[in-house]
Each structure stands twice: as C-alpha cells, then as structure tokens.
Amino acid sequence: MSRCCVITGKKALRGNLVSHANNKTNHFFLPNARKIRLKSKILGKTVMFMVSARGLRTLDKYGGLDAYLQKKTRRRLHEELHPLKRALMKKLKVSSDL
C-alpha cells in the first residue's frame, strides 16, 4: 500500500535536496500519512485507512467520518471510500423509510 491519504489525496512528491554548494540529490517527500482506525457511528463499525494529519483535521472540521461521507459527492471521494459511502447512504435510506 502506498502512502496516500484517502481524505486529502496527498501522495509522495519527488524533488531534489539542494545543498549550500548547490549539489542536488534526489529525494522523495512523503506525506504524514498513518494507518488510522476510523469509527462510523451510523454503520456501527470501525474501518482502517491511510490518513494524513491534514486529513484528520478535515474530518474534525466536517464533524466526523459519517458527516464527511454524506457531504462529499462520490466523484470527489477516494475510490477506497466508495463502498463505505454506499453502505452509509443505504443505511440512512432504510432508517428514514421506517
């Protein structure tokens, strides 16, 4: 699994480290992504994803994983989140029909 944030889409960047003598060395700049367990209150289960520190702040801003999935369109979500959003919307539709 590559180090890619499923919330923000941040990936590794390639560039150069440049010394004072202007020597250039190849370098990969990795995002601060970690495997994080996220709890979905509506679905009642825990899922594990690679999320960066910025992604966690984004989830806090939206009010959690469930609110984030509800507000974002499927097109704007990472493909790993599509099944989770589908299950969430199905659960909300069933509960609203009752």
C-alpha atoms as a PDB file:
ATOM      1  CA  MET A   1       0.000   0.000   0.000  1.00  0.00           C
ATOM      2  CA  SER A   2       1.410   3.348  -0.980  1.00  0.00           C
ATOM      3  CA  ARG A   3       1.477   6.260   1.406  1.00  0.00           C
ATOM      4  CA  CYS A   4      -1.516   8.152   0.099  1.00  0.00           C
ATOM      5  CA  CYS A   5      -4.171   9.918   2.181  1.00  0.00           C
ATOM      6  CA  VAL A   6      -7.717   8.805   1.327  1.00  0.00           C
ATOM      7  CA  ILE A   7      -9.211  12.086   2.600  1.00  0.00           C
ATOM      8  CA  THR A   8      -6.980  14.733   1.009  1.00  0.00           C
ATOM      9  CA  GLY A   9      -5.352  12.669  -1.746  1.00  0.00           C
ATOM     10  CA  LYS A  10      -1.845  13.700  -0.727  1.00  0.00           C
ATOM     11  CA  LYS A  11       0.847  11.474  -2.266  1.00  0.00           C
ATOM     12  CA  ALA A  12       4.620  11.257  -2.300  1.00  0.00           C
ATOM     13  CA  LEU A  13       6.344  14.020  -4.243  1.00  0.00           C
ATOM     14  CA  ARG A  14       9.701  13.693  -5.972  1.00  0.00           C
ATOM     15  CA  GLY A  15      12.209  16.513  -5.865  1.00  0.00           C
ATOM     16  CA  ASN A  16      15.752  17.498  -5.066  1.00  0.00           C
ATOM     17  CA  LEU A  17      17.548  18.294  -1.856  1.00  0.00           C
ATOM     18  CA  VAL A  18      19.822  21.233  -2.667  1.00  0.00           C
ATOM     19  CA  SER A  19      22.876  21.824  -0.504  1.00  0.00           C
ATOM     20  CA  HIS A  20      24.609  25.126   0.151  1.00  0.00           C
ATOM     21  CA  ALA A  21      27.126  24.176  -2.562  1.00  0.00           C
ATOM     22  CA  ASN A  22      24.144  23.694  -4.937  1.00  0.00           C
ATOM     23  CA  ASN A  23      24.600  19.902  -5.071  1.00  0.00           C
ATOM     24  CA  LYS A  24      21.309  18.254  -5.978  1.00  0.00           C
ATOM     25  CA  THR A  25      20.311  14.915  -4.502  1.00  0.00           C
ATOM     26  CA  ASN A  26      17.149  13.010  -5.442  1.00  0.00           C
ATOM     27  CA  HIS A  27      14.612  12.825  -2.640  1.00  0.00           C
ATOM     28  CA  PHE A  28      11.038  11.665  -2.054  1.00  0.00           C
ATOM     29  CA  PHE A  29       8.884  13.890   0.134  1.00  0.00           C
ATOM     30  CA  LEU A  30       6.344  11.656   1.879  1.00  0.00           C
ATOM     31  CA  PRO A  31       3.063  12.865   3.391  1.00  0.00           C
ATOM     32  CA  ASN A  32       2.472  12.429   7.111  1.00  0.00           C
ATOM     33  CA  ALA A  33       0.097   9.503   6.494  1.00  0.00           C
ATOM     34  CA  ARG A  34      -0.618   6.787   9.045  1.00  0.00           C
ATOM     35  CA  LYS A  35      -2.984   3.837   9.241  1.00  0.00           C
ATOM     36  CA  ILE A  36      -5.840   5.127  11.354  1.00  0.00           C
ATOM     37  CA  ARG A  37      -8.933   3.358  12.647  1.00  0.00           C
ATOM     38  CA  LEU A  38     -11.991   5.485  11.991  1.00  0.00           C
ATOM     39  CA  LYS A  39     -15.338   4.791  13.654  1.00  0.00           C
ATOM     40  CA  SER A  40     -18.580   5.103  11.725  1.00  0.00           C
ATOM     41  CA  LYS A  41     -21.349   5.702  14.249  1.00  0.00           C
ATOM     42  CA  ILE A  42     -24.189   5.170  11.765  1.00  0.00           C
ATOM     43  CA  LEU A  43     -22.810   1.896  10.395  1.00  0.00           C
ATOM     44  CA  GLY A  44     -21.576   0.828  13.817  1.00  0.00           C
ATOM     45  CA  LYS A  45     -18.213  -0.444  12.611  1.00  0.00           C
ATOM     46  CA  THR A  46     -14.577   0.550  12.545  1.00  0.00           C
ATOM     47  CA  VAL A  47     -12.613   0.922   9.304  1.00  0.00           C
ATOM     48  CA  MET A  48      -8.881   1.355   8.779  1.00  0.00           C
ATOM     49  CA  PHE A  49      -7.465   3.807   6.237  1.00  0.00           C
ATOM     50  CA  MET A  50      -4.283   5.724   5.500  1.00  0.00           C
ATOM     51  CA  VAL A  51      -4.987   9.278   6.654  1.00  0.00           C
ATOM     52  CA  SER A  52      -2.627  12.247   6.879  1.00  0.00           C
ATOM     53  CA  ALA A  53      -2.586  14.728   9.740  1.00  0.00           C
ATOM     54  CA  ARG A  54      -4.287  17.254   7.459  1.00  0.00           C
ATOM     55  CA  GLY A  55      -6.951  14.640   6.639  1.00  0.00           C
ATOM     56  CA  LEU A  56      -7.720  14.187  10.335  1.00  0.00           C
ATOM     57  CA  ARG A  57      -8.184  17.940  10.676  1.00  0.00           C
ATOM     58  CA  THR A  58     -10.524  17.860   7.679  1.00  0.00           C
ATOM     59  CA  LEU A  59     -12.604  15.108   9.294  1.00  0.00           C
ATOM     60  CA  ASP A  60     -12.811  17.152  12.505  1.00  0.00           C
ATOM     61  CA  LYS A  61     -13.985  20.158  10.506  1.00  0.00           C
ATOM     62  CA  TYR A  62     -16.810  18.168   8.895  1.00  0.00           C
ATOM     63  CA  GLY A  63     -17.801  16.593  12.203  1.00  0.00           C
ATOM     64  CA  GLY A  64     -16.558  13.043  11.725  1.00  0.00           C
ATOM     65  CA  LEU A  65     -16.354  10.348   9.078  1.00  0.00           C
ATOM     66  CA  ASP A  66     -20.120   9.970   8.614  1.00  0.00           C
ATOM     67  CA  ALA A  67     -20.713  13.690   8.051  1.00  0.00           C
ATOM     68  CA  TYR A  68     -17.749  13.870   5.666  1.00  0.00           C
ATOM     69  CA  LEU A  69     -19.094  10.984   3.569  1.00  0.00           C
ATOM     70  CA  GLN A  70     -22.584  12.491   3.476  1.00  0.00           C
ATOM     71  CA  LYS A  71     -21.422  15.928   2.307  1.00  0.00           C
ATOM     72  CA  LYS A  72     -18.875  14.838  -0.332  1.00  0.00           C
ATOM     73  CA  THR A  73     -20.058  13.647  -3.720  1.00  0.00           C
ATOM     74  CA  ARG A  74     -18.995  10.197  -4.878  1.00  0.00           C
ATOM     75  CA  ARG A  75     -16.924  11.775  -7.618  1.00  0.00           C
ATOM     76  CA  ARG A  76     -14.818  13.728  -5.116  1.00  0.00           C
ATOM     77  CA  LEU A  77     -14.135  10.747  -2.836  1.00  0.00           C
ATOM     78  CA  HIS A  78     -11.163   8.396  -2.975  1.00  0.00           C
ATOM     79  CA  GLU A  79     -12.138   5.055  -4.521  1.00  0.00           C
ATOM     80  CA  GLU A  80     -11.496   3.234  -1.226  1.00  0.00           C
ATOM     81  CA  LEU A  81     -14.311   5.267   0.361  1.00  0.00           C
ATOM     82  CA  HIS A  82     -16.955   4.469  -2.307  1.00  0.00           C
ATOM     83  CA  PRO A  83     -18.212   1.202  -0.714  1.00  0.00           C
ATOM     84  CA  LEU A  84     -18.367   2.882   2.685  1.00  0.00           C
ATOM     85  CA  LYS A  85     -20.416   5.787   1.339  1.00  0.00           C
ATOM     86  CA  ARG A  86     -22.739   3.385  -0.489  1.00  0.00           C
ATOM     87  CA  ALA A  87     -23.362   1.393   2.707  1.00  0.00           C
ATOM     88  CA  LEU A  88     -23.858   4.592   4.713  1.00  0.00           C
ATOM     89  CA  MET A  89     -26.408   6.042   2.293  1.00  0.00           C
ATOM     90  CA  LYS A  90     -28.243   2.701   2.139  1.00  0.00           C
ATOM     91  CA  LYS A  91     -28.430   2.577   5.939  1.00  0.00           C
ATOM     92  CA  LEU A  92     -29.699   6.180   6.122  1.00  0.00           C
ATOM     93  CA  LYS A  93     -32.355   5.484   3.482  1.00  0.00           C
ATOM     94  CA  VAL A  94     -33.583   2.390   5.326  1.00  0.00           C
ATOM     95  CA  SER A  95     -33.744   4.235   8.640  1.00  0.00           C
ATOM     96  CA  SER A  96     -35.611   7.198   7.068  1.00  0.00           C
ATOM     97  CA  ASP A  97     -38.183   4.837   5.485  1.00  0.00           C
ATOM     98  CA  LEU A  98     -39.153   3.476   8.895  1.00  0.00           C
END
